[in-house]
C-alpha atoms as a PDB file:
ATOM      1  CA  UNK A   1     201.504  65.379 -54.011  1.00  0.00           C
ATOM      2  CA  UNK A   2     202.704  63.375 -57.023  1.00  0.00           C
ATOM      3  CA  UNK A   3     202.604  65.322 -60.097  1.00  0.00           C
ATOM      4  CA  UNK A   4     199.763  62.436 -61.715  1.00  0.00           C
ATOM      5  CA  UNK A   5     197.180  63.274 -59.055  1.00  0.00           C
ATOM      6  CA  UNK A   6     197.868  66.783 -59.624  1.00  0.00           C
ATOM      7  CA  UNK A   7     196.551  66.984 -63.433  1.00  0.00           C
ATOM      8  CA  UNK A   8     193.303  66.921 -63.962  1.00  0.00           C
ATOM      9  CA  UNK A   9     191.959  63.284 -65.445  1.00  0.00           C
ATOM     10  CA  UNK A  10     189.000  61.962 -67.057  1.00  0.00           C
ATOM     11  CA  UNK A  11     188.966  65.873 -69.399  1.00  0.00           C
ATOM     12  CA  UNK A  12     190.798  66.606 -72.633  1.00  0.00           C
ATOM     13  CA  UNK A  13     189.813  70.458 -71.887  1.00  0.00           C
ATOM     14  CA  UNK A  14     190.097  72.248 -68.763  1.00  0.00           C
ATOM     15  CA  UNK A  15     186.629  73.918 -68.094  1.00  0.00           C
ATOM     16  CA  UNK A  16     187.742  76.531 -65.116  1.00  0.00           C
ATOM     17  CA  UNK A  17     185.224  78.814 -63.115  1.00  0.00           C
ATOM     18  CA  UNK A  18     185.755  81.568 -60.714  1.00  0.00           C
ATOM     19  CA  UNK A  19     184.068  81.482 -57.414  1.00  0.00           C
ATOM     20  CA  UNK A  20     184.530  84.708 -55.527  1.00  0.00           C
ATOM     21  CA  UNK A  21     184.185  84.829 -51.307  1.00  0.00           C
ATOM     22  CA  UNK A  22     181.976  87.638 -51.748  1.00  0.00           C
ATOM     23  CA  UNK A  23     179.247  85.640 -52.834  1.00  0.00           C
ATOM     24  CA  UNK A  24     178.730  83.466 -49.684  1.00  0.00           C
ATOM     25  CA  UNK A  25     176.829  87.017 -48.618  1.00  0.00           C
ATOM     26  CA  UNK A  26     174.469  86.202 -50.860  1.00  0.00           C
ATOM     27  CA  UNK A  27     173.208  82.543 -50.410  1.00  0.00           C
ATOM     28  CA  UNK A  28     175.717  81.150 -52.845  1.00  0.00           C
ATOM     29  CA  UNK A  29     178.224  78.293 -52.433  1.00  0.00           C
ATOM     30  CA  UNK A  30     180.550  75.690 -54.183  1.00  0.00           C
ATOM     31  CA  UNK A  31     178.369  73.338 -53.359  1.00  0.00           C
ATOM     32  CA  UNK A  32     175.445  74.279 -55.722  1.00  0.00           C
ATOM     33  CA  UNK A  33     177.672  73.831 -58.594  1.00  0.00           C
ATOM     34  CA  UNK A  34     178.011  70.800 -60.947  1.00  0.00           C
ATOM     35  CA  UNK A  35     181.368  69.408 -60.573  1.00  0.00           C
ATOM     36  CA  UNK A  36     180.022  66.855 -63.912  1.00  0.00           C
ATOM     37  CA  UNK A  37     181.307  69.891 -66.114  1.00  0.00           C
ATOM     38  CA  UNK A  38     183.874  71.823 -64.153  1.00  0.00           C
ATOM     39  CA  UNK A  39     187.323  70.610 -63.402  1.00  0.00           C
ATOM     40  CA  UNK A  40     189.039  73.741 -61.777  1.00  0.00           C
ATOM     41  CA  UNK A  41     188.134  75.839 -58.958  1.00  0.00           C
ATOM     42  CA  UNK A  42     189.474  79.872 -58.653  1.00  0.00           C
ATOM     43  CA  UNK A  43     188.876  80.458 -55.321  1.00  0.00           C
ATOM     44  CA  UNK A  44     188.905  84.588 -55.307  1.00  0.00           C
ATOM     45  CA  UNK A  45     190.684  86.583 -54.136  1.00  0.00           C
ATOM     46  CA  UNK A  46     193.075  86.205 -51.233  1.00  0.00           C
ATOM     47  CA  UNK A  47     195.157  89.422 -50.525  1.00  0.00           C
ATOM     48  CA  UNK A  48     198.486  90.590 -50.860  1.00  0.00           C
ATOM     49  CA  UNK A  49     200.193  93.354 -49.043  1.00  0.00           C
ATOM     50  CA  UNK A  50     202.639  95.351 -49.198  1.00  0.00           C
ATOM     51  CA  UNK A  51     205.594  93.316 -47.378  1.00  0.00           C
ATOM     52  CA  UNK A  52     204.743  90.404 -49.676  1.00  0.00           C
ATOM     53  CA  UNK A  53     202.662  88.315 -47.415  1.00  0.00           C
ATOM     54  CA  UNK A  54     199.446  86.682 -48.647  1.00  0.00           C
ATOM     55  CA  UNK A  55     196.248  86.790 -46.303  1.00  0.00           C
ATOM     56  CA  UNK A  56     192.827  85.332 -46.540  1.00  0.00           C
ATOM     57  CA  UNK A  57     190.875  87.905 -47.877  1.00  0.00           C
ATOM     58  CA  UNK A  58     188.264  87.127 -45.469  1.00  0.00           C
ATOM     59  CA  UNK A  59     189.008  84.779 -43.038  1.00  0.00           C
ATOM     60  CA  UNK A  60     185.057  84.051 -42.113  1.00  0.00           C
ATOM     61  CA  UNK A  61     183.507  84.029 -45.583  1.00  0.00           C
ATOM     62  CA  UNK A  62     186.655  81.555 -46.362  1.00  0.00           C
ATOM     63  CA  UNK A  63     186.884  79.698 -43.147  1.00  0.00           C
ATOM     64  CA  UNK A  64     184.311  80.046 -40.424  1.00  0.00           C
ATOM     65  CA  UNK A  65     180.922  80.917 -42.126  1.00  0.00           C
ATOM     66  CA  UNK A  66     178.030  77.463 -42.271  1.00  0.00           C
ATOM     67  CA  UNK A  67     178.356  76.028 -46.140  1.00  0.00           C
ATOM     68  CA  UNK A  68     177.481  73.173 -47.799  1.00  0.00           C
ATOM     69  CA  UNK A  69     177.444  71.540 -44.043  1.00  0.00           C
ATOM     70  CA  UNK A  70     181.024  72.941 -43.029  1.00  0.00           C
ATOM     71  CA  UNK A  71     183.110  75.674 -42.161  1.00  0.00           C
ATOM     72  CA  UNK A  72     183.605  78.510 -44.682  1.00  0.00           C
ATOM     73  CA  UNK A  73     183.000  78.020 -48.456  1.00  0.00           C
ATOM     74  CA  UNK A  74     186.811  77.339 -49.109  1.00  0.00           C
ATOM     75  CA  UNK A  75     186.262  74.694 -46.474  1.00  0.00           C
ATOM     76  CA  UNK A  76     183.604  73.543 -48.659  1.00  0.00           C
ATOM     77  CA  UNK A  77     185.758  73.353 -51.869  1.00  0.00           C
ATOM     78  CA  UNK A  78     188.622  71.138 -49.696  1.00  0.00           C
ATOM     79  CA  UNK A  79     185.600  68.748 -48.871  1.00  0.00           C
ATOM     80  CA  UNK A  80     184.105  68.872 -52.711  1.00  0.00           C
ATOM     81  CA  UNK A  81     187.953  67.582 -53.664  1.00  0.00           C
ATOM     82  CA  UNK A  82     187.460  64.853 -51.719  1.00  0.00           C
ATOM     83  CA  UNK A  83     184.240  63.852 -53.532  1.00  0.00           C
ATOM     84  CA  UNK A  84     185.468  64.807 -56.692  1.00  0.00           C
ATOM     85  CA  UNK A  85     189.124  63.560 -57.115  1.00  0.00           C
ATOM     86  CA  UNK A  86     189.391  65.578 -60.589  1.00  0.00           C
ATOM     87  CA  UNK A  87     188.351  68.686 -59.405  1.00  0.00           C
ATOM     88  CA  UNK A  88     191.574  71.464 -59.109  1.00  0.00           C
ATOM     89  CA  UNK A  89     191.074  74.027 -56.098  1.00  0.00           C
ATOM     90  CA  UNK A  90     193.699  76.847 -57.177  1.00  0.00           C
ATOM     91  CA  UNK A  91     193.946  80.107 -55.063  1.00  0.00           C
ATOM     92  CA  UNK A  92     193.784  83.096 -57.036  1.00  0.00           C
ATOM     93  CA  UNK A  93     195.787  86.068 -55.650  1.00  0.00           C
ATOM     94  CA  UNK A  94     194.665  89.677 -55.878  1.00  0.00           C
ATOM     95  CA  UNK A  95     191.931  91.137 -58.505  1.00  0.00           C
ATOM     96  CA  UNK A  96     191.199  94.618 -58.813  1.00  0.00           C
ATOM     97  CA  UNK A  97     191.840  95.845 -55.240  1.00  0.00           C
ATOM     98  CA  UNK A  98     195.424  94.491 -55.815  1.00  0.00           C
ATOM     99  CA  UNK A  99     196.564  97.066 -58.395  1.00  0.00           C
ATOM    100  CA  UNK A 100     198.304  99.315 -55.870  1.00  0.00           C
ATOM    101  CA  UNK A 101     200.234  96.022 -54.177  1.00  0.00           C
ATOM    102  CA  UNK A 102     201.530  94.137 -56.755  1.00  0.00           C
ATOM    103  CA  UNK A 103     203.463  96.757 -58.085  1.00  0.00           C
ATOM    104  CA  UNK A 104     206.007  97.198 -55.095  1.00  0.00           C
ATOM    105  CA  UNK A 105     206.413  93.266 -54.309  1.00  0.00           C
ATOM    106  CA  UNK A 106     206.957  92.333 -57.802  1.00  0.00           C
ATOM    107  CA  UNK A 107     209.647  95.070 -58.022  1.00  0.00           C
ATOM    108  CA  UNK A 108     211.956  93.875 -55.279  1.00  0.00           C
ATOM    109  CA  UNK A 109     213.393  90.481 -54.657  1.00  0.00           C
ATOM    110  CA  UNK A 110     213.323  90.237 -50.962  1.00  0.00           C
ATOM    111  CA  UNK A 111     209.288  90.733 -51.166  1.00  0.00           C
ATOM    112  CA  UNK A 112     209.297  88.252 -53.876  1.00  0.00           C
ATOM    113  CA  UNK A 113     210.582  85.910 -52.101  1.00  0.00           C
ATOM    114  CA  UNK A 114     208.180  86.829 -48.580  1.00  0.00           C
ATOM    115  CA  UNK A 115     204.881  86.508 -51.479  1.00  0.00           C
ATOM    116  CA  UNK A 116     205.923  83.319 -52.769  1.00  0.00           C
ATOM    117  CA  UNK A 117     206.852  81.770 -49.131  1.00  0.00           C
ATOM    118  CA  UNK A 118     203.566  83.225 -47.943  1.00  0.00           C
ATOM    119  CA  UNK A 119     201.541  81.788 -50.803  1.00  0.00           C
ATOM    120  CA  UNK A 120     203.252  78.605 -50.186  1.00  0.00           C
ATOM    121  CA  UNK A 121     202.205  78.175 -46.603  1.00  0.00           C
ATOM    122  CA  UNK A 122     198.477  79.205 -47.611  1.00  0.00           C
ATOM    123  CA  UNK A 123     198.521  76.692 -50.172  1.00  0.00           C
ATOM    124  CA  UNK A 124     200.586  73.770 -48.330  1.00  0.00           C
ATOM    125  CA  UNK A 125     198.307  74.747 -45.074  1.00  0.00           C
ATOM    126  CA  UNK A 126     194.922  74.353 -47.374  1.00  0.00           C
ATOM    127  CA  UNK A 127     195.828  71.729 -49.152  1.00  0.00           C
ATOM    128  CA  UNK A 128     195.447  73.698 -52.140  1.00  0.00           C
ATOM    129  CA  UNK A 129     196.421  72.737 -55.605  1.00  0.00           C
ATOM    130  CA  UNK A 130     198.518  76.125 -56.492  1.00  0.00           C
ATOM    131  CA  UNK A 131     197.905  79.436 -56.897  1.00  0.00           C
ATOM    132  CA  UNK A 132     196.492  82.234 -59.579  1.00  0.00           C
ATOM    133  CA  UNK A 133     197.778  85.326 -60.470  1.00  0.00           C
ATOM    134  CA  UNK A 134     194.918  88.382 -61.060  1.00  0.00           C
ATOM    135  CA  UNK A 135     197.464  91.738 -61.024  1.00  0.00           C
ATOM    136  CA  UNK A 136     195.244  94.256 -62.816  1.00  0.00           C
ATOM    137  CA  UNK A 137     197.302  95.109 -64.930  1.00  0.00           C
ATOM    138  CA  UNK A 138     201.089  95.239 -65.853  1.00  0.00           C
ATOM    139  CA  UNK A 139     200.826  98.566 -67.166  1.00  0.00           C
ATOM    140  CA  UNK A 140     204.738  99.472 -68.295  1.00  0.00           C
ATOM    141  CA  UNK A 141     207.420  97.289 -69.131  1.00  0.00           C
ATOM    142  CA  UNK A 142     209.015  97.429 -66.098  1.00  0.00           C
ATOM    143  CA  UNK A 143     206.307  96.018 -64.500  1.00  0.00           C
ATOM    144  CA  UNK A 144     205.792  93.206 -67.361  1.00  0.00           C
ATOM    145  CA  UNK A 145     209.660  92.431 -66.231  1.00  0.00           C
ATOM    146  CA  UNK A 146     208.531  92.357 -62.692  1.00  0.00           C
ATOM    147  CA  UNK A 147     205.837  89.989 -63.302  1.00  0.00           C
ATOM    148  CA  UNK A 148     208.459  87.836 -65.043  1.00  0.00           C
ATOM    149  CA  UNK A 149     210.706  87.982 -61.694  1.00  0.00           C
ATOM    150  CA  UNK A 150     207.632  87.369 -59.839  1.00  0.00           C
ATOM    151  CA  UNK A 151     206.470  83.886 -61.316  1.00  0.00           C
ATOM    152  CA  UNK A 152     209.930  82.939 -61.470  1.00  0.00           C
ATOM    153  CA  UNK A 153     210.527  83.233 -57.587  1.00  0.00           C
ATOM    154  CA  UNK A 154     207.425  81.652 -56.945  1.00  0.00           C
ATOM    155  CA  UNK A 155     208.223  78.927 -59.240  1.00  0.00           C
ATOM    156  CA  UNK A 156     211.436  78.526 -56.731  1.00  0.00           C
ATOM    157  CA  UNK A 157     208.635  77.616 -53.792  1.00  0.00           C
ATOM    158  CA  UNK A 158     205.835  76.432 -55.977  1.00  0.00           C
ATOM    159  CA  UNK A 159     207.703  73.748 -58.077  1.00  0.00           C
ATOM    160  CA  UNK A 160     205.540  72.816 -61.303  1.00  0.00           C
ATOM    161  CA  UNK A 161     205.531  68.718 -60.577  1.00  0.00           C
ATOM    162  CA  UNK A 162     203.783  69.810 -57.391  1.00  0.00           C
ATOM    163  CA  UNK A 163     201.822  72.554 -57.498  1.00  0.00           C
ATOM    164  CA  UNK A 164     199.593  74.747 -60.470  1.00  0.00           C
ATOM    165  CA  UNK A 165     200.699  78.323 -61.158  1.00  0.00           C
ATOM    166  CA  UNK A 166     198.448  80.140 -63.268  1.00  0.00           C
ATOM    167  CA  UNK A 167     197.629  83.971 -64.197  1.00  0.00           C
ATOM    168  CA  UNK A 168     194.582  86.015 -65.483  1.00  0.00           C
ATOM    169  CA  UNK A 169     195.594  88.868 -67.694  1.00  0.00           C
ATOM    170  CA  UNK A 170     193.546  90.574 -70.229  1.00  0.00           C
ATOM    171  CA  UNK A 171     192.927  89.940 -73.792  1.00  0.00           C
ATOM    172  CA  UNK A 172     193.977  94.007 -74.621  1.00  0.00           C
ATOM    173  CA  UNK A 173     197.561  94.395 -76.402  1.00  0.00           C
ATOM    174  CA  UNK A 174     198.474  97.637 -74.768  1.00  0.00           C
ATOM    175  CA  UNK A 175     198.670  95.227 -71.840  1.00  0.00           C
ATOM    176  CA  UNK A 176     200.185  92.229 -73.103  1.00  0.00           C
ATOM    177  CA  UNK A 177     203.067  93.442 -74.844  1.00  0.00           C
ATOM    178  CA  UNK A 178     204.899  94.467 -71.627  1.00  0.00           C
ATOM    179  CA  UNK A 179     205.301  90.836 -70.856  1.00  0.00           C
ATOM    180  CA  UNK A 180     207.386  88.612 -72.330  1.00  0.00           C
ATOM    181  CA  UNK A 181     204.943  86.039 -73.036  1.00  0.00           C
ATOM    182  CA  UNK A 182     206.970  83.381 -73.939  1.00  0.00           C
ATOM    183  CA  UNK A 183     208.903  83.152 -70.775  1.00  0.00           C
ATOM    184  CA  UNK A 184     206.047  84.015 -68.820  1.00  0.00           C
ATOM    185  CA  UNK A 185     204.447  80.299 -70.000  1.00  0.00           C
ATOM    186  CA  UNK A 186     207.430  78.243 -69.387  1.00  0.00           C
ATOM    187  CA  UNK A 187     206.315  79.476 -65.512  1.00  0.00           C
ATOM    188  CA  UNK A 188     203.242  79.108 -65.969  1.00  0.00           C
ATOM    189  CA  UNK A 189     200.575  76.150 -66.687  1.00  0.00           C
ATOM    190  CA  UNK A 190     197.909  78.085 -67.842  1.00  0.00           C
ATOM    191  CA  UNK A 191     197.317  81.696 -68.830  1.00  0.00           C
ATOM    192  CA  UNK A 192     193.425  82.623 -68.066  1.00  0.00           C
ATOM    193  CA  UNK A 193     192.607  85.022 -71.366  1.00  0.00           C
ATOM    194  CA  UNK A 194     190.352  87.939 -70.102  1.00  0.00           C
ATOM    195  CA  UNK A 195     188.431  88.089 -73.218  1.00  0.00           C
ATOM    196  CA  UNK A 196     185.781  90.243 -72.006  1.00  0.00           C
ATOM    197  CA  UNK A 197     185.570  93.906 -70.654  1.00  0.00           C
ATOM    198  CA  UNK A 198     186.390  95.131 -74.550  1.00  0.00           C
ATOM    199  CA  UNK A 199     183.577  97.783 -74.171  1.00  0.00           C
ATOM    200  CA  UNK A 200     181.430  99.179 -70.653  1.00  0.00           C
ATOM    201  CA  UNK A 201     180.350 102.528 -68.704  1.00  0.00           C
ATOM    202  CA  UNK A 202     184.508 103.399 -68.988  1.00  0.00           C
ATOM    203  CA  UNK A 203     184.418 103.826 -72.869  1.00  0.00           C
ATOM    204  CA  UNK A 204     183.758 106.287 -74.949  1.00  0.00           C
ATOM    205  CA  UNK A 205     181.385 104.367 -77.046  1.00  0.00           C
ATOM    206  CA  UNK A 206     179.217 100.914 -76.960  1.00  0.00           C
ATOM    207  CA  UNK A 207     180.140  97.756 -78.017  1.00  0.00           C
ATOM    208  CA  UNK A 208     180.079  94.164 -77.707  1.00  0.00           C
ATOM    209  CA  UNK A 209     181.960  93.493 -74.303  1.00  0.00           C
ATOM    210  CA  UNK A 210     183.145  90.026 -75.045  1.00  0.00           C
ATOM    211  CA  UNK A 211     183.283  89.663 -79.182  1.00  0.00           C
ATOM    212  CA  UNK A 212     185.141  86.819 -80.306  1.00  0.00           C
ATOM    213  CA  UNK A 213     186.152  88.580 -83.353  1.00  0.00           C
ATOM    214  CA  UNK A 214     186.387  91.968 -83.923  1.00  0.00           C
ATOM    215  CA  UNK A 215     183.756  93.970 -86.583  1.00  0.00           C
ATOM    216  CA  UNK A 216     186.247  97.104 -86.829  1.00  0.00           C
ATOM    217  CA  UNK A 217     189.794  97.882 -87.425  1.00  0.00           C
ATOM    218  CA  UNK A 218     191.720  97.905 -83.793  1.00  0.00           C
ATOM    219  CA  UNK A 219     189.370  96.708 -81.720  1.00  0.00           C
ATOM    220  CA  UNK A 220     190.005  94.197 -79.558  1.00  0.00           C
ATOM    221  CA  UNK A 221     188.575  90.254 -79.247  1.00  0.00           C
ATOM    222  CA  UNK A 222     188.900  87.187 -77.923  1.00  0.00           C
ATOM    223  CA  UNK A 223     190.520  85.926 -81.555  1.00  0.00           C
ATOM    224  CA  UNK A 224     192.818  88.712 -81.608  1.00  0.00           C
ATOM    225  CA  UNK A 225     194.250  88.402 -77.770  1.00  0.00           C
ATOM    226  CA  UNK A 226     194.990  84.649 -78.437  1.00  0.00           C
ATOM    227  CA  UNK A 227     196.601  85.401 -81.683  1.00  0.00           C
ATOM    228  CA  UNK A 228     198.959  87.749 -79.720  1.00  0.00           C
ATOM    229  CA  UNK A 229     199.320  84.857 -77.287  1.00  0.00           C
ATOM    230  CA  UNK A 230     200.355  82.200 -79.654  1.00  0.00           C
ATOM    231  CA  UNK A 231     202.493  84.856 -82.010  1.00  0.00           C
ATOM    232  CA  UNK A 232     204.138  85.564 -78.696  1.00  0.00           C
ATOM    233  CA  UNK A 233     205.180  81.804 -78.212  1.00  0.00           C
ATOM    234  CA  UNK A 234     202.480  80.893 -75.882  1.00  0.00           C
ATOM    235  CA  UNK A 235     201.422  77.296 -76.697  1.00  0.00           C
ATOM    236  CA  UNK A 236     197.732  77.083 -77.203  1.00  0.00           C
ATOM    237  CA  UNK A 237     197.231  74.339 -74.944  1.00  0.00           C
ATOM    238  CA  UNK A 238     198.472  76.378 -71.705  1.00  0.00           C
ATOM    239  CA  UNK A 239     195.609  79.313 -72.738  1.00  0.00           C
ATOM    240  CA  UNK A 240     192.060  79.388 -71.494  1.00  0.00           C
ATOM    241  CA  UNK A 241     189.603  81.638 -73.005  1.00  0.00           C
ATOM    242  CA  UNK A 242     187.850  83.671 -70.569  1.00  0.00           C
ATOM    243  CA  UNK A 243     183.669  83.746 -70.948  1.00  0.00           C
ATOM    244  CA  UNK A 244     182.158  86.169 -68.853  1.00  0.00           C
ATOM    245  CA  UNK A 245     178.567  85.242 -66.886  1.00  0.00           C
ATOM    246  CA  UNK A 246     177.693  88.810 -66.770  1.00  0.00           C
ATOM    247  CA  UNK A 247     176.410  91.306 -69.459  1.00  0.00           C
ATOM    248  CA  UNK A 248     177.383  95.088 -69.583  1.00  0.00           C
ATOM    249  CA  UNK A 249     174.653  97.395 -70.453  1.00  0.00           C
ATOM    250  CA  UNK A 250     174.331 100.921 -72.248  1.00  0.00           C
ATOM    251  CA  UNK A 251     171.442 102.536 -72.302  1.00  0.00           C
ATOM    252  CA  UNK A 252     169.504 104.920 -74.796  1.00  0.00           C
ATOM    253  CA  UNK A 253     171.219 103.057 -78.097  1.00  0.00           C
ATOM    254  CA  UNK A 254     170.203 100.211 -79.753  1.00  0.00           C
ATOM    255  CA  UNK A 255     173.560  98.414 -80.546  1.00  0.00           C
ATOM    256  CA  UNK A 256     177.290  98.772 -80.316  1.00  0.00           C
ATOM    257  CA  UNK A 257     179.083 101.564 -81.962  1.00  0.00           C
ATOM    258  CA  UNK A 258     177.119 104.840 -80.384  1.00  0.00           C
ATOM    259  CA  UNK A 259     177.787 107.293 -77.726  1.00  0.00           C
ATOM    260  CA  UNK A 260     178.004 105.846 -74.428  1.00  0.00           C
ATOM    261  CA  UNK A 261     174.976 107.637 -72.761  1.00  0.00           C
ATOM    262  CA  UNK A 262     175.313 105.589 -69.264  1.00  0.00           C
ATOM    263  CA  UNK A 263     174.746 102.019 -68.001  1.00  0.00           C
ATOM    264  CA  UNK A 264     171.983  99.794 -66.321  1.00  0.00           C
ATOM    265  CA  UNK A 265     171.913  97.192 -63.909  1.00  0.00           C
ATOM    266  CA  UNK A 266     174.575  97.173 -60.942  1.00  0.00           C
ATOM    267  CA  UNK A 267     177.689  98.863 -61.781  1.00  0.00           C
ATOM    268  CA  UNK A 268     176.991  98.795 -65.559  1.00  0.00           C
ATOM    269  CA  UNK A 269     176.323  95.286 -65.757  1.00  0.00           C
ATOM    270  CA  UNK A 270     173.919  92.448 -65.063  1.00  0.00           C
ATOM    271  CA  UNK A 271     174.497  88.973 -63.951  1.00  0.00           C
ATOM    272  CA  UNK A 272     174.081  86.359 -66.887  1.00  0.00           C
ATOM    273  CA  UNK A 273     171.047  84.581 -65.385  1.00  0.00           C
ATOM    274  CA  UNK A 274     169.512  87.608 -64.991  1.00  0.00           C
ATOM    275  CA  UNK A 275     169.395  87.973 -68.732  1.00  0.00           C
ATOM    276  CA  UNK A 276     167.988  88.834 -71.408  1.00  0.00           C
ATOM    277  CA  UNK A 277     165.810  91.307 -69.574  1.00  0.00           C
ATOM    278  CA  UNK A 278     162.329  91.366 -69.044  1.00  0.00           C
ATOM    279  CA  UNK A 279     160.496  92.376 -72.583  1.00  0.00           C
ATOM    280  CA  UNK A 280     163.601  92.093 -74.606  1.00  0.00           C
ATOM    281  CA  UNK A 281     164.178  89.523 -77.371  1.00  0.00           C
ATOM    282  CA  UNK A 282     168.149  87.672 -77.313  1.00  0.00           C
ATOM    283  CA  UNK A 283     169.418  88.261 -80.653  1.00  0.00           C
ATOM    284  CA  UNK A 284     173.320  87.205 -81.866  1.00  0.00           C
ATOM    285  CA  UNK A 285     175.207  89.248 -84.035  1.00  0.00           C
ATOM    286  CA  UNK A 286     177.046  86.404 -85.493  1.00  0.00           C
ATOM    287  CA  UNK A 287     179.619  88.166 -87.186  1.00  0.00           C
ATOM    288  CA  UNK A 288     181.384  89.131 -83.731  1.00  0.00           C
ATOM    289  CA  UNK A 289     179.984  86.035 -81.692  1.00  0.00           C
ATOM    290  CA  UNK A 290     178.144  88.326 -79.433  1.00  0.00           C
ATOM    291  CA  UNK A 291     174.389  87.639 -77.618  1.00  0.00           C
ATOM    292  CA  UNK A 292     172.405  90.621 -76.900  1.00  0.00           C
ATOM    293  CA  UNK A 293     169.022  92.209 -76.112  1.00  0.00           C
ATOM    294  CA  UNK A 294     167.909  95.424 -76.391  1.00  0.00           C
ATOM    295  CA  UNK A 295     164.949  97.621 -74.745  1.00  0.00           C
ATOM    296  CA  UNK A 296     164.213  97.768 -71.006  1.00  0.00           C
ATOM    297  CA  UNK A 297     165.961  98.880 -67.989  1.00  0.00           C
ATOM    298  CA  UNK A 298     168.872  97.805 -69.841  1.00  0.00           C
ATOM    299  CA  UNK A 299     168.906  99.739 -72.996  1.00  0.00           C
ATOM    300  CA  UNK A 300     171.568  97.207 -75.196  1.00  0.00           C
ATOM    301  CA  UNK A 301     173.036  94.672 -72.985  1.00  0.00           C
ATOM    302  CA  UNK A 302     175.977  92.499 -74.481  1.00  0.00           C
ATOM    303  CA  UNK A 303     177.148  88.980 -73.213  1.00  0.00           C
ATOM    304  CA  UNK A 304     177.490  85.558 -74.170  1.00  0.00           C
ATOM    305  CA  UNK A 305     174.598  82.843 -74.411  1.00  0.00           C
ATOM    306  CA  UNK A 306     174.729  79.052 -75.023  1.00  0.00           C
ATOM    307  CA  UNK A 307     175.263  79.770 -78.945  1.00  0.00           C
ATOM    308  CA  UNK A 308     178.338  82.304 -78.409  1.00  0.00           C
ATOM    309  CA  UNK A 309     179.426  79.450 -75.835  1.00  0.00           C
ATOM    310  CA  UNK A 310     179.318  76.626 -78.571  1.00  0.00           C
ATOM    311  CA  UNK A 311     181.082  78.386 -81.203  1.00  0.00           C
ATOM    312  CA  UNK A 312     183.587  79.704 -78.848  1.00  0.00           C
ATOM    313  CA  UNK A 313     184.162  76.738 -77.476  1.00  0.00           C
ATOM    314  CA  UNK A 314     184.628  75.245 -81.110  1.00  0.00           C
ATOM    315  CA  UNK A 315     187.673  77.850 -81.796  1.00  0.00           C
ATOM    316  CA  UNK A 316     189.548  76.526 -78.432  1.00  0.00           C
ATOM    317  CA  UNK A 317     189.405  73.161 -80.315  1.00  0.00           C
ATOM    318  CA  UNK A 318     190.389  74.514 -83.622  1.00  0.00           C
ATOM    319  CA  UNK A 319     192.714  76.441 -82.018  1.00  0.00           C
ATOM    320  CA  UNK A 320     194.416  73.802 -79.948  1.00  0.00           C
ATOM    321  CA  UNK A 321     193.760  75.735 -76.539  1.00  0.00           C
ATOM    322  CA  UNK A 322     193.373  74.276 -72.988  1.00  0.00           C
ATOM    323  CA  UNK A 323     189.878  74.969 -72.810  1.00  0.00           C
ATOM    324  CA  UNK A 324     187.584  77.615 -70.704  1.00  0.00           C
ATOM    325  CA  UNK A 325     186.929  79.310 -67.728  1.00  0.00           C
ATOM    326  CA  UNK A 326     184.135  81.540 -66.602  1.00  0.00           C
ATOM    327  CA  UNK A 327     184.036  84.450 -64.525  1.00  0.00           C
ATOM    328  CA  UNK A 328     181.981  83.717 -62.004  1.00  0.00           C
ATOM    329  CA  UNK A 329     180.374  80.911 -61.476  1.00  0.00           C
ATOM    330  CA  UNK A 330     177.414  81.758 -59.275  1.00  0.00           C
ATOM    331  CA  UNK A 331     175.792  83.891 -62.199  1.00  0.00           C
ATOM    332  CA  UNK A 332     175.503  80.937 -64.359  1.00  0.00           C
ATOM    333  CA  UNK A 333     171.752  79.842 -65.329  1.00  0.00           C
ATOM    334  CA  UNK A 334     170.399  77.191 -63.235  1.00  0.00           C
ATOM    335  CA  UNK A 335     168.842  75.019 -65.996  1.00  0.00           C
ATOM    336  CA  UNK A 336     171.456  73.279 -67.592  1.00  0.00           C
ATOM    337  CA  UNK A 337     170.171  74.006 -71.319  1.00  0.00           C
ATOM    338  CA  UNK A 338     170.717  77.485 -70.219  1.00  0.00           C
ATOM    339  CA  UNK A 339     173.958  77.092 -68.678  1.00  0.00           C
ATOM    340  CA  UNK A 340     177.074  78.280 -70.330  1.00  0.00           C
ATOM    341  CA  UNK A 341     179.410  76.265 -67.985  1.00  0.00           C
ATOM    342  CA  UNK A 342     177.204  73.295 -68.818  1.00  0.00           C
ATOM    343  CA  UNK A 343     177.143  74.401 -72.784  1.00  0.00           C
ATOM    344  CA  UNK A 344     181.025  74.978 -72.680  1.00  0.00           C
ATOM    345  CA  UNK A 345     181.962  71.480 -71.385  1.00  0.00           C
ATOM    346  CA  UNK A 346     179.566  69.612 -73.659  1.00  0.00           C
ATOM    347  CA  UNK A 347     180.980  71.333 -76.373  1.00  0.00           C
ATOM    348  CA  UNK A 348     184.685  71.082 -75.847  1.00  0.00           C
ATOM    349  CA  UNK A 349     183.976  67.391 -74.982  1.00  0.00           C
ATOM    350  CA  UNK A 350     181.983  66.643 -77.874  1.00  0.00           C
ATOM    351  CA  UNK A 351     183.195  64.443 -80.928  1.00  0.00           C
END
């Protein structure tokens, strides 16, 4: 593949969506997405094992299940690539299950090389555009150095003229400061900033889980994450700001800053297309740039809606960022007026 074909054409900004392979069991397929508004899909997740090998995590879902008239969700995406020449398909490796394996693989030069070779084999066999590293998360300065060594090793086997290499990292300073971000940015095409999950069932208090701006001292926010990356030497155009297509629930409270008394929904969250909850009214916190609904079975639910995404897309343009990404595409609203992916795309590309 020549370098010209690997860059996304016709789009000033990236509007990228993650598609988890498990969603095939919910009846979701990649063919249901609107590729007029999406120019990169991250197919999540492939697994990494302790010897550095990279494998598809669910061969049935990925390559065999009937999906959009072809076999497998990955098969569907490769088919869609032929229909939409602007579409990049990137294999996301890791996720929550890889927290124990990545530190082992990244700390050893032989295993790093195995990982890079294995990833390249998978990319070439499938016709993918590259890989995305989702190590949750490099938790110490040693692991930060190993993360850097890993992306350097990958670049030897996936040279930047031919392949995309991206990574997803949380917008939390305690994690980001473990990594030499300026050096990491030299190897990466984009850094996907997970500007969400600031609050959830694991935190002592309720709060906006994807706020663009902090409303009290010391809070994480999308803005503080972007500031940290850019002041560390990451070029703005290499940063994608993450938008959650889910809300976080806090029961028995009416807003941020209260003691956490448990959560509703599935594992404390609701898919965006299920929001606002029945019998509640949607509101926007204009200081934090966060949507919420209060009452019903979710209590206080914090999320993004079209109004907040318009502001976040405007923020991307103002800061010179590369665009937006969404976790995860099947949870978006089907109605285009309500769709966050459509809203983000239109706002990024409006004059």
